[in-house]
């Protein structure tokens, strides 16, 4: 009798069902929204003083100090941004993220309304992206609307409805938020001026502008002499003790003809300029410069920079140190 050969087939491995297309659409929308939030966090964390000023200007520091509010806001925004970037699209993420987006739009919308009714300068920079994007109030509202709302709506599409919390991704998001708050706390002492402002080596002075339309003003219109030759520019408040102590040294520098021309830019009134002149007798020229134009160029005052033929060649975090011999001989 012939033996009957039997073959035993291997058990079929169950295939993990692939995610439907709408899950991928929603994940992409959530990740895009997370990236936008994180870019905004980065822009504010490297210049927390400007963010603190914005919080105070908007009147959001009623219960806590503006500094405390800034750190809390950065941590919250970073936490939801990271969670969305990691694909966590549960209700406890999407609902607060939606409220956050609505809050941002209400702020920019209010600023736009105030500017349209003459209650706020149309030339004032506005929005949540720090010096990365200098925008008028109307530009801030429409750009934020276009960036945030479509991505938020997509993030709700095809979301997972399980009750289980993704512990690893949630933990990383929380730790990342705490790291952002710690970084922002220490950022003022870090050498980040060139990164956090529009003023950095290679920048062109004619591009330093504020406002739009008839209210647009540029640095070249305030100091047209910067277009040619070598110059040393100091941005300062004239009543700053650090600056007033250096007036004698700056006068000596300005009195040496072989040095680059010294200019001081300050957000002052003609009366304040006149009072400073009679009290201190500066040998250098002071130009009145709107705060809206100066603010994107510094994190704290004073700050200085060298210019050659309209291009920034070097920056200083504070008052300029004495020029080296090589710099003097090149003039």
C-alpha atoms as a PDB file:
ATOM      1  CA  UNK A   1       0.000   0.000   0.000  1.00  0.00           C
ATOM      2  CA  UNK A   2       1.361   3.293  -0.990  1.00  0.00           C
ATOM      3  CA  UNK A   3       1.841   5.755   1.789  1.00  0.00           C
ATOM      4  CA  UNK A   4      -0.255   8.792   1.436  1.00  0.00           C
ATOM      5  CA  UNK A   5       1.933  11.890   1.719  1.00  0.00           C
ATOM      6  CA  UNK A   6       0.361  14.682   3.625  1.00  0.00           C
ATOM      7  CA  UNK A   7       1.676  18.212   3.823  1.00  0.00           C
ATOM      8  CA  UNK A   8       0.939  20.522   6.640  1.00  0.00           C
ATOM      9  CA  UNK A   9       0.696  24.128   5.581  1.00  0.00           C
ATOM     10  CA  UNK A  10       2.089  26.809   7.869  1.00  0.00           C
ATOM     11  CA  UNK A  11      -0.502  28.759   9.764  1.00  0.00           C
ATOM     12  CA  UNK A  12      -1.386  32.014   8.057  1.00  0.00           C
ATOM     13  CA  UNK A  13       0.029  35.101   9.747  1.00  0.00           C
ATOM     14  CA  UNK A  14      -2.735  37.592  10.294  1.00  0.00           C
ATOM     15  CA  UNK A  15      -2.047  40.817   8.440  1.00  0.00           C
ATOM     16  CA  UNK A  16      -2.250  44.019  10.360  1.00  0.00           C
ATOM     17  CA  UNK A  17      -4.914  46.113   8.697  1.00  0.00           C
ATOM     18  CA  UNK A  18      -3.441  49.223   7.129  1.00  0.00           C
ATOM     19  CA  UNK A  19      -4.693  52.618   8.177  1.00  0.00           C
ATOM     20  CA  UNK A  20      -7.393  54.101   5.956  1.00  0.00           C
ATOM     21  CA  UNK A  21      -6.565  57.094   3.815  1.00  0.00           C
ATOM     22  CA  UNK A  22      -8.438  59.472   6.115  1.00  0.00           C
ATOM     23  CA  UNK A  23      -6.204  58.467   9.014  1.00  0.00           C
ATOM     24  CA  UNK A  24      -3.174  59.507   6.987  1.00  0.00           C
ATOM     25  CA  UNK A  25      -4.841  62.789   5.979  1.00  0.00           C
ATOM     26  CA  UNK A  26      -5.628  63.587   9.593  1.00  0.00           C
ATOM     27  CA  UNK A  27      -2.165  62.597  10.769  1.00  0.00           C
ATOM     28  CA  UNK A  28      -0.586  64.868   8.178  1.00  0.00           C
ATOM     29  CA  UNK A  29      -2.854  67.754   9.186  1.00  0.00           C
ATOM     30  CA  UNK A  30      -2.025  67.267  12.858  1.00  0.00           C
ATOM     31  CA  UNK A  31       1.702  67.028  12.166  1.00  0.00           C
ATOM     32  CA  UNK A  32       1.609  70.191  10.039  1.00  0.00           C
ATOM     33  CA  UNK A  33      -0.218  72.065  12.798  1.00  0.00           C
ATOM     34  CA  UNK A  34       2.321  70.750  15.303  1.00  0.00           C
ATOM     35  CA  UNK A  35       5.213  72.026  13.185  1.00  0.00           C
ATOM     36  CA  UNK A  36       3.613  75.487  12.896  1.00  0.00           C
ATOM     37  CA  UNK A  37       3.161  75.641  16.672  1.00  0.00           C
ATOM     38  CA  UNK A  38       6.742  74.520  17.289  1.00  0.00           C
ATOM     39  CA  UNK A  39       8.155  77.100  14.861  1.00  0.00           C
ATOM     40  CA  UNK A  40       6.212  79.769  16.752  1.00  0.00           C
ATOM     41  CA  UNK A  41       7.555  78.401  20.048  1.00  0.00           C
ATOM     42  CA  UNK A  42      11.135  78.537  18.776  1.00  0.00           C
ATOM     43  CA  UNK A  43      10.743  82.124  17.538  1.00  0.00           C
ATOM     44  CA  UNK A  44       9.473  83.259  20.935  1.00  0.00           C
ATOM     45  CA  UNK A  45      11.758  81.126  23.113  1.00  0.00           C
ATOM     46  CA  UNK A  46      14.990  82.567  21.671  1.00  0.00           C
ATOM     47  CA  UNK A  47      13.752  86.109  22.408  1.00  0.00           C
ATOM     48  CA  UNK A  48      11.575  85.735  25.524  1.00  0.00           C
ATOM     49  CA  UNK A  49      11.844  89.449  26.401  1.00  0.00           C
ATOM     50  CA  UNK A  50       9.947  90.383  23.236  1.00  0.00           C
ATOM     51  CA  UNK A  51       7.299  87.757  24.069  1.00  0.00           C
ATOM     52  CA  UNK A  52       6.990  89.167  27.583  1.00  0.00           C
ATOM     53  CA  UNK A  53       6.467  92.641  26.085  1.00  0.00           C
ATOM     54  CA  UNK A  54       3.759  91.270  23.790  1.00  0.00           C
ATOM     55  CA  UNK A  55       1.954  89.583  26.698  1.00  0.00           C
ATOM     56  CA  UNK A  56       2.022  92.840  28.663  1.00  0.00           C
ATOM     57  CA  UNK A  57       0.840  94.861  25.642  1.00  0.00           C
ATOM     58  CA  UNK A  58      -2.088  92.487  25.102  1.00  0.00           C
ATOM     59  CA  UNK A  59      -3.032  92.721  28.789  1.00  0.00           C
ATOM     60  CA  UNK A  60      -2.615  88.995  29.444  1.00  0.00           C
ATOM     61  CA  UNK A  61      -0.636  89.360  32.663  1.00  0.00           C
ATOM     62  CA  UNK A  62      -3.489  90.119  35.050  1.00  0.00           C
ATOM     63  CA  UNK A  63      -3.147  87.137  37.396  1.00  0.00           C
ATOM     64  CA  UNK A  64       0.537  86.262  36.955  1.00  0.00           C
ATOM     65  CA  UNK A  65       3.561  88.279  35.926  1.00  0.00           C
ATOM     66  CA  UNK A  66       4.253  88.566  32.214  1.00  0.00           C
ATOM     67  CA  UNK A  67       7.446  86.527  32.685  1.00  0.00           C
ATOM     68  CA  UNK A  68       5.551  83.652  34.326  1.00  0.00           C
ATOM     69  CA  UNK A  69       2.821  83.792  31.706  1.00  0.00           C
ATOM     70  CA  UNK A  70       5.418  83.650  28.932  1.00  0.00           C
ATOM     71  CA  UNK A  71       7.051  80.487  30.309  1.00  0.00           C
ATOM     72  CA  UNK A  72       3.708  78.770  30.892  1.00  0.00           C
ATOM     73  CA  UNK A  73       2.453  79.709  27.414  1.00  0.00           C
ATOM     74  CA  UNK A  74       5.616  78.404  25.756  1.00  0.00           C
ATOM     75  CA  UNK A  75       5.424  75.110  27.656  1.00  0.00           C
ATOM     76  CA  UNK A  76       1.732  74.586  26.793  1.00  0.00           C
ATOM     77  CA  UNK A  77       2.197  75.456  23.121  1.00  0.00           C
ATOM     78  CA  UNK A  78       5.253  73.185  22.883  1.00  0.00           C
ATOM     79  CA  UNK A  79       3.437  70.290  24.568  1.00  0.00           C
ATOM     80  CA  UNK A  80       0.530  70.329  22.119  1.00  0.00           C
ATOM     81  CA  UNK A  81       2.819  70.970  19.168  1.00  0.00           C
ATOM     82  CA  UNK A  82       4.957  67.937  20.018  1.00  0.00           C
ATOM     83  CA  UNK A  83       1.924  65.745  20.722  1.00  0.00           C
ATOM     84  CA  UNK A  84       0.437  66.570  17.313  1.00  0.00           C
ATOM     85  CA  UNK A  85       3.772  66.072  15.601  1.00  0.00           C
ATOM     86  CA  UNK A  86       3.989  62.599  17.178  1.00  0.00           C
ATOM     87  CA  UNK A  87       0.514  61.730  15.903  1.00  0.00           C
ATOM     88  CA  UNK A  88      -1.336  61.936  19.230  1.00  0.00           C
ATOM     89  CA  UNK A  89      -4.816  63.018  18.123  1.00  0.00           C
ATOM     90  CA  UNK A  90      -7.001  62.183  21.080  1.00  0.00           C
ATOM     91  CA  UNK A  91      -9.686  64.520  22.406  1.00  0.00           C
ATOM     92  CA  UNK A  92      -7.491  65.646  25.289  1.00  0.00           C
ATOM     93  CA  UNK A  93      -5.054  66.986  22.673  1.00  0.00           C
ATOM     94  CA  UNK A  94      -7.355  68.192  19.895  1.00  0.00           C
ATOM     95  CA  UNK A  95      -9.806  70.086  22.094  1.00  0.00           C
ATOM     96  CA  UNK A  96      -7.148  72.207  23.869  1.00  0.00           C
ATOM     97  CA  UNK A  97      -5.291  72.666  20.567  1.00  0.00           C
ATOM     98  CA  UNK A  98      -8.507  73.958  18.982  1.00  0.00           C
ATOM     99  CA  UNK A  99      -8.993  76.383  21.869  1.00  0.00           C
ATOM    100  CA  UNK A 100      -5.375  77.502  21.482  1.00  0.00           C
ATOM    101  CA  UNK A 101      -5.842  78.217  17.775  1.00  0.00           C
ATOM    102  CA  UNK A 102      -9.077  80.104  18.495  1.00  0.00           C
ATOM    103  CA  UNK A 103      -7.244  82.153  21.135  1.00  0.00           C
ATOM    104  CA  UNK A 104      -4.433  83.050  18.718  1.00  0.00           C
ATOM    105  CA  UNK A 105      -6.916  84.136  16.061  1.00  0.00           C
ATOM    106  CA  UNK A 106      -8.868  86.201  18.567  1.00  0.00           C
ATOM    107  CA  UNK A 107      -5.683  88.079  19.504  1.00  0.00           C
ATOM    108  CA  UNK A 108      -4.632  88.787  15.925  1.00  0.00           C
ATOM    109  CA  UNK A 109      -8.219  89.617  14.993  1.00  0.00           C
ATOM    110  CA  UNK A 110      -8.455  92.097  17.844  1.00  0.00           C
ATOM    111  CA  UNK A 111      -5.143  93.680  16.826  1.00  0.00           C
ATOM    112  CA  UNK A 112      -6.387  93.992  13.241  1.00  0.00           C
ATOM    113  CA  UNK A 113      -9.628  95.634  14.422  1.00  0.00           C
ATOM    114  CA  UNK A 114      -7.731  98.053  16.657  1.00  0.00           C
ATOM    115  CA  UNK A 115      -5.354  98.999  13.831  1.00  0.00           C
ATOM    116  CA  UNK A 116      -8.277  99.532  11.452  1.00  0.00           C
ATOM    117  CA  UNK A 117      -9.895 101.914  13.964  1.00  0.00           C
ATOM    118  CA  UNK A 118      -6.717 103.835  14.793  1.00  0.00           C
ATOM    119  CA  UNK A 119      -6.271 102.268  18.236  1.00  0.00           C
ATOM    120  CA  UNK A 120      -3.024 100.530  17.295  1.00  0.00           C
ATOM    121  CA  UNK A 121      -0.240 101.420  14.899  1.00  0.00           C
ATOM    122  CA  UNK A 122      -0.596  99.635  11.550  1.00  0.00           C
ATOM    123  CA  UNK A 123       3.219  99.528  11.386  1.00  0.00           C
ATOM    124  CA  UNK A 124       3.485  97.457  14.559  1.00  0.00           C
ATOM    125  CA  UNK A 125       4.683  93.916  14.049  1.00  0.00           C
ATOM    126  CA  UNK A 126       2.127  91.377  15.164  1.00  0.00           C
ATOM    127  CA  UNK A 127       1.653  87.668  15.639  1.00  0.00           C
ATOM    128  CA  UNK A 128       3.223  84.634  17.249  1.00  0.00           C
ATOM    129  CA  UNK A 129       6.347  84.143  15.172  1.00  0.00           C
ATOM    130  CA  UNK A 130       8.644  86.715  16.772  1.00  0.00           C
ATOM    131  CA  UNK A 131      11.257  88.165  14.452  1.00  0.00           C
ATOM    132  CA  UNK A 132      10.877  85.274  12.015  1.00  0.00           C
ATOM    133  CA  UNK A 133       7.913  87.050  10.445  1.00  0.00           C
ATOM    134  CA  UNK A 134       7.390  90.789  10.737  1.00  0.00           C
ATOM    135  CA  UNK A 135       3.743  91.348   9.888  1.00  0.00           C
ATOM    136  CA  UNK A 136       1.122  94.032  10.116  1.00  0.00           C
ATOM    137  CA  UNK A 137      -1.983  93.180  12.190  1.00  0.00           C
ATOM    138  CA  UNK A 138      -4.056  92.402   9.092  1.00  0.00           C
ATOM    139  CA  UNK A 139      -1.320  90.211   7.614  1.00  0.00           C
ATOM    140  CA  UNK A 140      -0.967  88.357  10.918  1.00  0.00           C
ATOM    141  CA  UNK A 141      -4.674  87.543  11.097  1.00  0.00           C
ATOM    142  CA  UNK A 142      -5.075  86.264   7.529  1.00  0.00           C
ATOM    143  CA  UNK A 143      -1.792  84.352   7.515  1.00  0.00           C
ATOM    144  CA  UNK A 144      -2.553  82.681  10.859  1.00  0.00           C
ATOM    145  CA  UNK A 145      -6.046  81.846   9.623  1.00  0.00           C
ATOM    146  CA  UNK A 146      -4.615  80.190   6.507  1.00  0.00           C
ATOM    147  CA  UNK A 147      -1.886  78.298   8.377  1.00  0.00           C
ATOM    148  CA  UNK A 148      -3.760  77.116  11.451  1.00  0.00           C
ATOM    149  CA  UNK A 149      -7.425  76.519  10.643  1.00  0.00           C
ATOM    150  CA  UNK A 150      -7.152  74.102   7.652  1.00  0.00           C
ATOM    151  CA  UNK A 151      -4.507  72.040   9.455  1.00  0.00           C
ATOM    152  CA  UNK A 152      -6.631  71.953  12.618  1.00  0.00           C
ATOM    153  CA  UNK A 153      -9.719  70.786  10.732  1.00  0.00           C
ATOM    154  CA  UNK A 154      -7.717  68.037   9.027  1.00  0.00           C
ATOM    155  CA  UNK A 155      -6.304  66.924  12.380  1.00  0.00           C
ATOM    156  CA  UNK A 156      -9.831  65.921  13.448  1.00  0.00           C
ATOM    157  CA  UNK A 157     -10.250  63.635  10.414  1.00  0.00           C
ATOM    158  CA  UNK A 158      -9.783  59.885  10.872  1.00  0.00           C
ATOM    159  CA  UNK A 159      -8.524  60.143  14.440  1.00  0.00           C
ATOM    160  CA  UNK A 160      -8.097  57.082  16.635  1.00  0.00           C
ATOM    161  CA  UNK A 161     -10.816  56.745  19.233  1.00  0.00           C
ATOM    162  CA  UNK A 162      -9.155  54.359  21.658  1.00  0.00           C
ATOM    163  CA  UNK A 163      -9.033  55.353  25.293  1.00  0.00           C
ATOM    164  CA  UNK A 164      -5.499  54.107  25.840  1.00  0.00           C
ATOM    165  CA  UNK A 165      -2.957  56.870  26.296  1.00  0.00           C
ATOM    166  CA  UNK A 166       0.223  56.587  24.172  1.00  0.00           C
ATOM    167  CA  UNK A 167       2.534  56.830  27.172  1.00  0.00           C
ATOM    168  CA  UNK A 168       5.872  57.107  25.393  1.00  0.00           C
ATOM    169  CA  UNK A 169       4.809  59.860  22.987  1.00  0.00           C
ATOM    170  CA  UNK A 170       2.972  61.733  25.734  1.00  0.00           C
ATOM    171  CA  UNK A 171       5.984  61.535  28.044  1.00  0.00           C
ATOM    172  CA  UNK A 172       8.310  62.841  25.331  1.00  0.00           C
ATOM    173  CA  UNK A 173       5.916  65.727  24.624  1.00  0.00           C
ATOM    174  CA  UNK A 174       5.768  66.687  28.308  1.00  0.00           C
ATOM    175  CA  UNK A 175       9.547  66.456  28.732  1.00  0.00           C
ATOM    176  CA  UNK A 176      10.033  68.503  25.571  1.00  0.00           C
ATOM    177  CA  UNK A 177       7.668  71.189  26.886  1.00  0.00           C
ATOM    178  CA  UNK A 178       9.606  71.424  30.153  1.00  0.00           C
ATOM    179  CA  UNK A 179      12.865  71.649  28.190  1.00  0.00           C
ATOM    180  CA  UNK A 180      11.444  74.526  26.129  1.00  0.00           C
ATOM    181  CA  UNK A 181      10.474  76.424  29.287  1.00  0.00           C
ATOM    182  CA  UNK A 182      13.953  75.888  30.747  1.00  0.00           C
ATOM    183  CA  UNK A 183      15.601  77.011  27.522  1.00  0.00           C
ATOM    184  CA  UNK A 184      13.477  80.175  27.359  1.00  0.00           C
ATOM    185  CA  UNK A 185      14.354  80.955  30.979  1.00  0.00           C
ATOM    186  CA  UNK A 186      18.079  80.813  30.195  1.00  0.00           C
ATOM    187  CA  UNK A 187      17.903  82.236  26.656  1.00  0.00           C
ATOM    188  CA  UNK A 188      18.569  85.911  27.562  1.00  0.00           C
ATOM    189  CA  UNK A 189      22.052  84.950  28.813  1.00  0.00           C
ATOM    190  CA  UNK A 190      22.881  82.871  25.734  1.00  0.00           C
ATOM    191  CA  UNK A 191      24.669  84.344  22.662  1.00  0.00           C
ATOM    192  CA  UNK A 192      21.628  84.136  20.411  1.00  0.00           C
ATOM    193  CA  UNK A 193      21.308  87.742  19.212  1.00  0.00           C
ATOM    194  CA  UNK A 194      22.283  87.015  15.606  1.00  0.00           C
ATOM    195  CA  UNK A 195      19.855  84.096  15.500  1.00  0.00           C
ATOM    196  CA  UNK A 196      16.964  85.762  17.305  1.00  0.00           C
ATOM    197  CA  UNK A 197      16.970  89.094  15.474  1.00  0.00           C
ATOM    198  CA  UNK A 198      17.101  90.406  11.916  1.00  0.00           C
ATOM    199  CA  UNK A 199      20.479  91.989  12.616  1.00  0.00           C
ATOM    200  CA  UNK A 200      23.303  89.590  11.741  1.00  0.00           C
ATOM    201  CA  UNK A 201      26.482  89.663   9.639  1.00  0.00           C
ATOM    202  CA  UNK A 202      25.604  89.769   5.945  1.00  0.00           C
ATOM    203  CA  UNK A 203      22.302  91.595   6.431  1.00  0.00           C
ATOM    204  CA  UNK A 204      21.677  94.671   4.283  1.00  0.00           C
ATOM    205  CA  UNK A 205      20.625  97.851   6.076  1.00  0.00           C
ATOM    206  CA  UNK A 206      18.131  98.878   3.393  1.00  0.00           C
ATOM    207  CA  UNK A 207      16.124  95.782   4.286  1.00  0.00           C
ATOM    208  CA  UNK A 208      15.597  96.938   7.877  1.00  0.00           C
ATOM    209  CA  UNK A 209      12.075  98.322   7.565  1.00  0.00           C
ATOM    210  CA  UNK A 210       8.841  98.514   9.533  1.00  0.00           C
ATOM    211  CA  UNK A 211       5.254  99.163   8.561  1.00  0.00           C
ATOM    212  CA  UNK A 212       3.519  99.017   5.215  1.00  0.00           C
ATOM    213  CA  UNK A 213       2.310 101.410   2.576  1.00  0.00           C
ATOM    214  CA  UNK A 214       2.604 105.096   3.417  1.00  0.00           C
ATOM    215  CA  UNK A 215       3.683 104.303   6.983  1.00  0.00           C
ATOM    216  CA  UNK A 216       6.620 102.145   5.896  1.00  0.00           C
ATOM    217  CA  UNK A 217       9.974 103.412   7.148  1.00  0.00           C
ATOM    218  CA  UNK A 218      13.457 101.964   6.599  1.00  0.00           C
ATOM    219  CA  UNK A 219      16.825 102.459   8.242  1.00  0.00           C
ATOM    220  CA  UNK A 220      18.271 103.878   5.029  1.00  0.00           C
ATOM    221  CA  UNK A 221      15.858 106.792   5.240  1.00  0.00           C
ATOM    222  CA  UNK A 222      16.976 107.577   8.796  1.00  0.00           C
ATOM    223  CA  UNK A 223      20.711 107.115   8.228  1.00  0.00           C
ATOM    224  CA  UNK A 224      21.216 107.293   4.440  1.00  0.00           C
ATOM    225  CA  UNK A 225      24.956 107.678   5.052  1.00  0.00           C
ATOM    226  CA  UNK A 226      25.157 103.929   5.794  1.00  0.00           C
ATOM    227  CA  UNK A 227      24.904 103.159   2.081  1.00  0.00           C
ATOM    228  CA  UNK A 228      28.591 103.978   1.534  1.00  0.00           C
ATOM    229  CA  UNK A 229      31.720 103.815   3.670  1.00  0.00           C
ATOM    230  CA  UNK A 230      32.380 102.189   7.041  1.00  0.00           C
ATOM    231  CA  UNK A 231      30.268 102.948  10.090  1.00  0.00           C
ATOM    232  CA  UNK A 232      29.802 101.877  13.691  1.00  0.00           C
ATOM    233  CA  UNK A 233      26.160 101.950  14.811  1.00  0.00           C
ATOM    234  CA  UNK A 234      25.037 101.809  18.445  1.00  0.00           C
ATOM    235  CA  UNK A 235      21.400 101.200  19.387  1.00  0.00           C
ATOM    236  CA  UNK A 236      20.680 102.416  22.908  1.00  0.00           C
ATOM    237  CA  UNK A 237      18.318 104.205  25.241  1.00  0.00           C
ATOM    238  CA  UNK A 238      19.893 107.531  26.100  1.00  0.00           C
ATOM    239  CA  UNK A 239      18.922 107.293  29.769  1.00  0.00           C
ATOM    240  CA  UNK A 240      20.487 103.844  30.173  1.00  0.00           C
ATOM    241  CA  UNK A 241      23.287 104.132  32.797  1.00  0.00           C
ATOM    242  CA  UNK A 242      25.383 101.635  30.845  1.00  0.00           C
ATOM    243  CA  UNK A 243      25.257 103.960  27.853  1.00  0.00           C
ATOM    244  CA  UNK A 244      25.779 107.238  29.709  1.00  0.00           C
ATOM    245  CA  UNK A 245      28.896 105.838  31.411  1.00  0.00           C
ATOM    246  CA  UNK A 246      30.339 105.140  27.963  1.00  0.00           C
ATOM    247  CA  UNK A 247      29.706 108.607  26.490  1.00  0.00           C
ATOM    248  CA  UNK A 248      33.272 109.820  27.159  1.00  0.00           C
ATOM    249  CA  UNK A 249      34.759 106.726  25.496  1.00  0.00           C
ATOM    250  CA  UNK A 250      32.420 107.099  22.530  1.00  0.00           C
ATOM    251  CA  UNK A 251      33.352 110.786  22.245  1.00  0.00           C
ATOM    252  CA  UNK A 252      37.030 109.879  22.094  1.00  0.00           C
ATOM    253  CA  UNK A 253      36.291 107.271  19.457  1.00  0.00           C
ATOM    254  CA  UNK A 254      34.250 109.737  17.380  1.00  0.00           C
ATOM    255  CA  UNK A 255      37.028 112.313  17.644  1.00  0.00           C
ATOM    256  CA  UNK A 256      39.566 110.099  15.858  1.00  0.00           C
ATOM    257  CA  UNK A 257      39.176 110.790  12.159  1.00  0.00           C
ATOM    258  CA  UNK A 258      40.506 107.415  11.019  1.00  0.00           C
ATOM    259  CA  UNK A 259      37.717 105.514  12.812  1.00  0.00           C
ATOM    260  CA  UNK A 260      34.482 104.473  11.092  1.00  0.00           C
ATOM    261  CA  UNK A 261      31.739 107.062  11.547  1.00  0.00           C
ATOM    262  CA  UNK A 262      29.832 106.595  14.800  1.00  0.00           C
ATOM    263  CA  UNK A 263      26.030 106.761  14.852  1.00  0.00           C
ATOM    264  CA  UNK A 264      23.653 106.258  17.767  1.00  0.00           C
ATOM    265  CA  UNK A 265      20.073 105.150  17.113  1.00  0.00           C
ATOM    266  CA  UNK A 266      17.534 105.672  19.869  1.00  0.00           C
ATOM    267  CA  UNK A 267      13.708 105.697  20.177  1.00  0.00           C
ATOM    268  CA  UNK A 268      13.611 109.240  21.564  1.00  0.00           C
ATOM    269  CA  UNK A 269      11.703 112.456  21.086  1.00  0.00           C
ATOM    270  CA  UNK A 270      13.365 115.676  19.865  1.00  0.00           C
ATOM    271  CA  UNK A 271      13.034 117.076  23.388  1.00  0.00           C
ATOM    272  CA  UNK A 272      14.853 114.093  24.922  1.00  0.00           C
ATOM    273  CA  UNK A 273      17.566 114.368  22.290  1.00  0.00           C
ATOM    274  CA  UNK A 274      18.032 118.066  23.032  1.00  0.00           C
ATOM    275  CA  UNK A 275      18.218 117.445  26.801  1.00  0.00           C
ATOM    276  CA  UNK A 276      20.812 114.699  26.305  1.00  0.00           C
ATOM    277  CA  UNK A 277      22.906 116.978  24.099  1.00  0.00           C
ATOM    278  CA  UNK A 278      23.046 119.786  26.661  1.00  0.00           C
ATOM    279  CA  UNK A 279      23.801 117.408  29.545  1.00  0.00           C
ATOM    280  CA  UNK A 280      26.399 115.132  27.939  1.00  0.00           C
ATOM    281  CA  UNK A 281      27.768 117.034  24.943  1.00  0.00           C
ATOM    282  CA  UNK A 282      28.089 114.058  22.542  1.00  0.00           C
ATOM    283  CA  UNK A 283      30.646 114.294  19.742  1.00  0.00           C
ATOM    284  CA  UNK A 284      28.690 111.712  17.742  1.00  0.00           C
ATOM    285  CA  UNK A 285      25.385 112.088  15.948  1.00  0.00           C
ATOM    286  CA  UNK A 286      22.156 110.720  17.374  1.00  0.00           C
ATOM    287  CA  UNK A 287      19.295 109.765  15.066  1.00  0.00           C
ATOM    288  CA  UNK A 288      15.731 109.437  16.308  1.00  0.00           C
ATOM    289  CA  UNK A 289      14.515 105.958  15.296  1.00  0.00           C
ATOM    290  CA  UNK A 290      11.000 104.526  15.792  1.00  0.00           C
ATOM    291  CA  UNK A 291      10.750 101.667  18.233  1.00  0.00           C
ATOM    292  CA  UNK A 292       8.923  99.582  15.617  1.00  0.00           C
ATOM    293  CA  UNK A 293      12.028  99.728  13.437  1.00  0.00           C
ATOM    294  CA  UNK A 294      14.566  99.073  16.184  1.00  0.00           C
ATOM    295  CA  UNK A 295      12.795  96.296  18.104  1.00  0.00           C
ATOM    296  CA  UNK A 296      13.409  93.491  15.566  1.00  0.00           C
ATOM    297  CA  UNK A 297      17.149  94.305  15.651  1.00  0.00           C
ATOM    298  CA  UNK A 298      17.897  93.546  19.311  1.00  0.00           C
ATOM    299  CA  UNK A 299      16.975  91.395  22.257  1.00  0.00           C
ATOM    300  CA  UNK A 300      18.246  93.924  24.782  1.00  0.00           C
ATOM    301  CA  UNK A 301      19.869  97.336  24.570  1.00  0.00           C
ATOM    302  CA  UNK A 302      22.482  98.523  23.995  1.00  0.00           C
ATOM    303  CA  UNK A 303      23.512  96.571  20.890  1.00  0.00           C
ATOM    304  CA  UNK A 304      26.011  97.602  18.216  1.00  0.00           C
ATOM    305  CA  UNK A 305      27.077  96.641  14.711  1.00  0.00           C
ATOM    306  CA  UNK A 306      29.593  97.515  12.015  1.00  0.00           C
ATOM    307  CA  UNK A 307      28.437  98.467   8.511  1.00  0.00           C
ATOM    308  CA  UNK A 308      30.430  98.662   5.293  1.00  0.00           C
ATOM    309  CA  UNK A 309      28.752  99.971   2.131  1.00  0.00           C
ATOM    310  CA  UNK A 310      25.310  99.182   3.486  1.00  0.00           C
ATOM    311  CA  UNK A 311      26.077  95.631   4.638  1.00  0.00           C
ATOM    312  CA  UNK A 312      26.447  94.479   8.244  1.00  0.00           C
ATOM    313  CA  UNK A 313      29.909  93.004   8.803  1.00  0.00           C
ATOM    314  CA  UNK A 314      29.958  92.435  12.554  1.00  0.00           C
ATOM    315  CA  UNK A 315      27.622  92.618  15.557  1.00  0.00           C
ATOM    316  CA  UNK A 316      28.251  93.196  19.257  1.00  0.00           C
ATOM    317  CA  UNK A 317      26.041  92.145  22.159  1.00  0.00           C
ATOM    318  CA  UNK A 318      26.229  95.475  23.971  1.00  0.00           C
ATOM    319  CA  UNK A 319      28.479  98.484  23.484  1.00  0.00           C
ATOM    320  CA  UNK A 320      31.274  97.934  20.946  1.00  0.00           C
ATOM    321  CA  UNK A 321      34.674  96.883  22.286  1.00  0.00           C
ATOM    322  CA  UNK A 322      37.710  98.938  21.238  1.00  0.00           C
ATOM    323  CA  UNK A 323      38.570  98.297  17.611  1.00  0.00           C
ATOM    324  CA  UNK A 324      41.523  96.042  17.005  1.00  0.00           C
ATOM    325  CA  UNK A 325      44.606  97.373  15.217  1.00  0.00           C
ATOM    326  CA  UNK A 326      43.753  95.443  12.068  1.00  0.00           C
ATOM    327  CA  UNK A 327      40.267  96.992  11.949  1.00  0.00           C
ATOM    328  CA  UNK A 328      41.716 100.493  12.401  1.00  0.00           C
ATOM    329  CA  UNK A 329      44.348 100.024   9.721  1.00  0.00           C
ATOM    330  CA  UNK A 330      41.758  98.856   7.169  1.00  0.00           C
ATOM    331  CA  UNK A 331      39.832 102.113   7.313  1.00  0.00           C
END
